[in-house]
Protein backbone atom coordinates (compact mmCIF):
# COMPACT_ATOMS: atom_id res chain seq x y z
CA UNK A 1 -333.19 -53.31 -96.48
CA UNK A 2 -329.27 -53.72 -96.55
CA UNK A 3 -328.90 -52.28 -93.11
CA UNK A 4 -331.62 -54.74 -91.47
CA UNK A 5 -329.64 -57.60 -92.92
CA UNK A 6 -326.46 -56.50 -91.71
CA UNK A 7 -327.89 -55.95 -88.34
CA UNK A 8 -329.54 -59.40 -88.16
CA UNK A 9 -326.29 -61.07 -89.28
CA UNK A 10 -324.44 -59.11 -86.33
CA UNK A 11 -326.84 -60.18 -83.85
CA UNK A 12 -326.41 -64.03 -85.17
CA UNK A 13 -322.81 -63.67 -84.99
CA UNK A 14 -323.04 -62.10 -81.51
CA UNK A 15 -325.19 -65.01 -80.22
CA UNK A 16 -323.14 -67.65 -81.56
CA UNK A 17 -320.04 -66.64 -79.87
CA UNK A 18 -321.95 -66.15 -77.01
CA UNK A 19 -323.36 -69.74 -77.12
CA UNK A 20 -319.92 -71.04 -77.71
CA UNK A 21 -318.25 -69.08 -74.66
CA UNK A 22 -320.88 -70.52 -72.41
CA UNK A 23 -320.15 -73.88 -73.81
CA UNK A 24 -316.29 -73.93 -73.37
CA UNK A 25 -315.52 -71.76 -70.52
CA UNK A 26 -314.63 -74.00 -67.52
CA UNK A 27 -316.71 -74.64 -64.40
CA UNK A 28 -314.87 -75.63 -61.40
CA UNK A 29 -316.44 -78.18 -59.21
CA UNK A 30 -315.26 -79.74 -55.80
CA UNK A 31 -316.27 -83.15 -55.14
CA UNK A 32 -316.71 -84.26 -51.37
CA UNK A 33 -315.04 -87.64 -52.05
CA UNK A 34 -311.87 -86.85 -50.47
CA UNK A 35 -310.79 -83.79 -52.63
CA UNK A 36 -311.49 -84.32 -56.22
CA UNK A 37 -311.50 -81.31 -58.40
CA UNK A 38 -313.17 -81.38 -61.74
CA UNK A 39 -313.11 -78.58 -64.39
CA UNK A 40 -315.66 -79.07 -67.16
CA UNK A 41 -317.77 -76.81 -69.83
CA UNK A 42 -320.29 -75.11 -68.78
CA UNK A 43 -322.26 -76.57 -71.07
CA UNK A 44 -322.98 -79.52 -68.86
CA UNK A 45 -319.46 -81.06 -69.27
CA UNK A 46 -320.28 -82.41 -72.68
CA UNK A 47 -317.28 -81.19 -74.42
CA UNK A 48 -314.54 -81.63 -72.12
CA UNK A 49 -313.67 -82.62 -68.59
CA UNK A 50 -310.58 -82.28 -66.57
CA UNK A 51 -310.40 -84.21 -63.18
CA UNK A 52 -307.86 -83.98 -60.42
CA UNK A 53 -308.75 -87.04 -58.53
CA UNK A 54 -307.74 -87.52 -55.03
CA UNK A 55 -310.60 -90.02 -53.81
CA UNK A 56 -310.91 -92.06 -50.75
CA UNK A 57 -310.76 -95.67 -51.90
CA UNK A 58 -311.48 -98.41 -49.06
CA UNK A 59 -310.22 -102.01 -49.43
CA UNK A 60 -309.99 -105.10 -46.89
CA UNK A 61 -310.61 -102.70 -44.03
CA UNK A 62 -307.90 -100.28 -44.61
CA UNK A 63 -308.27 -96.70 -46.49
CA UNK A 64 -306.00 -95.47 -49.58
CA UNK A 65 -306.39 -92.61 -51.70
CA UNK A 66 -307.15 -92.83 -55.52
CA UNK A 67 -305.09 -90.28 -57.32
CA UNK A 68 -304.54 -89.07 -60.68
CA UNK A 69 -305.55 -87.05 -63.62
CA UNK A 70 -308.51 -87.76 -65.94
CA UNK A 71 -309.11 -86.26 -69.35
CA UNK A 72 -312.24 -86.63 -71.41
CA UNK A 73 -313.30 -84.71 -74.79
CA UNK A 74 -316.73 -85.54 -75.99
CA UNK A 75 -317.25 -88.42 -73.75
CA UNK A 76 -313.84 -90.05 -74.92
CA UNK A 77 -311.06 -90.88 -72.52
CA UNK A 78 -307.99 -88.77 -73.98
CA UNK A 79 -305.47 -89.26 -70.85
CA UNK A 80 -305.97 -91.38 -67.65
CA UNK A 81 -303.27 -91.71 -65.02
CA UNK A 82 -305.32 -92.61 -62.05
CA UNK A 83 -304.12 -95.05 -59.58
CA UNK A 84 -304.60 -96.12 -56.14
CA UNK A 85 -301.73 -95.18 -53.62
CA UNK A 86 -301.00 -98.31 -51.99
CA UNK A 87 -297.77 -97.13 -50.59
CA UNK A 88 -299.24 -94.88 -47.94
CA UNK A 89 -302.20 -96.81 -46.38
CA UNK A 90 -304.60 -95.06 -43.43
CA UNK A 91 -306.31 -97.44 -41.17
CA UNK A 92 -309.91 -97.20 -41.54
CA UNK A 93 -310.59 -97.89 -37.92
CA UNK A 94 -308.43 -96.61 -35.37
CA UNK A 95 -306.42 -99.39 -33.14
CA UNK A 96 -307.13 -99.47 -29.70
CA UNK A 97 -303.91 -97.87 -28.47
CA UNK A 98 -305.15 -94.62 -30.74
CA UNK A 99 -308.51 -94.83 -29.09
CA UNK A 100 -307.01 -94.81 -25.61
CA UNK A 101 -304.38 -92.16 -26.45
CA UNK A 102 -307.08 -89.88 -27.87
CA UNK A 103 -309.38 -90.45 -24.79
CA UNK A 104 -306.59 -89.50 -22.73
CA UNK A 105 -305.92 -86.35 -24.55
CA UNK A 106 -309.50 -85.44 -24.02
CA UNK A 107 -309.85 -86.39 -20.35
CA UNK A 108 -306.78 -84.21 -19.91
CA UNK A 109 -307.86 -81.34 -21.99
CA UNK A 110 -311.08 -81.16 -19.92
CA UNK A 111 -309.58 -81.14 -16.74
CA UNK A 112 -307.44 -78.11 -17.46
């Protein structure tokens, strides 16, 4: 009878360790929002989430990047240095000069 209890105890301990490993081993996800990478616990991100944000942020016809790191543990925000990089704007629509330059480059490539 003691061997049966010991075997049951070992199986329970191994099952608990396997379940904990499943919950805490990170899973990497790359989002299609401009380059954000998210590392979260395999247990549906419920325990922790570390996000290296590089997200496209549009404002008044100009495109900026939202950049930084966001860390949450058990749904509580622990660290957040996410900011919009207003120093390096990109035009949302190309200027007419850029369109003309691009069209002439395409035409010259076609004629060759």
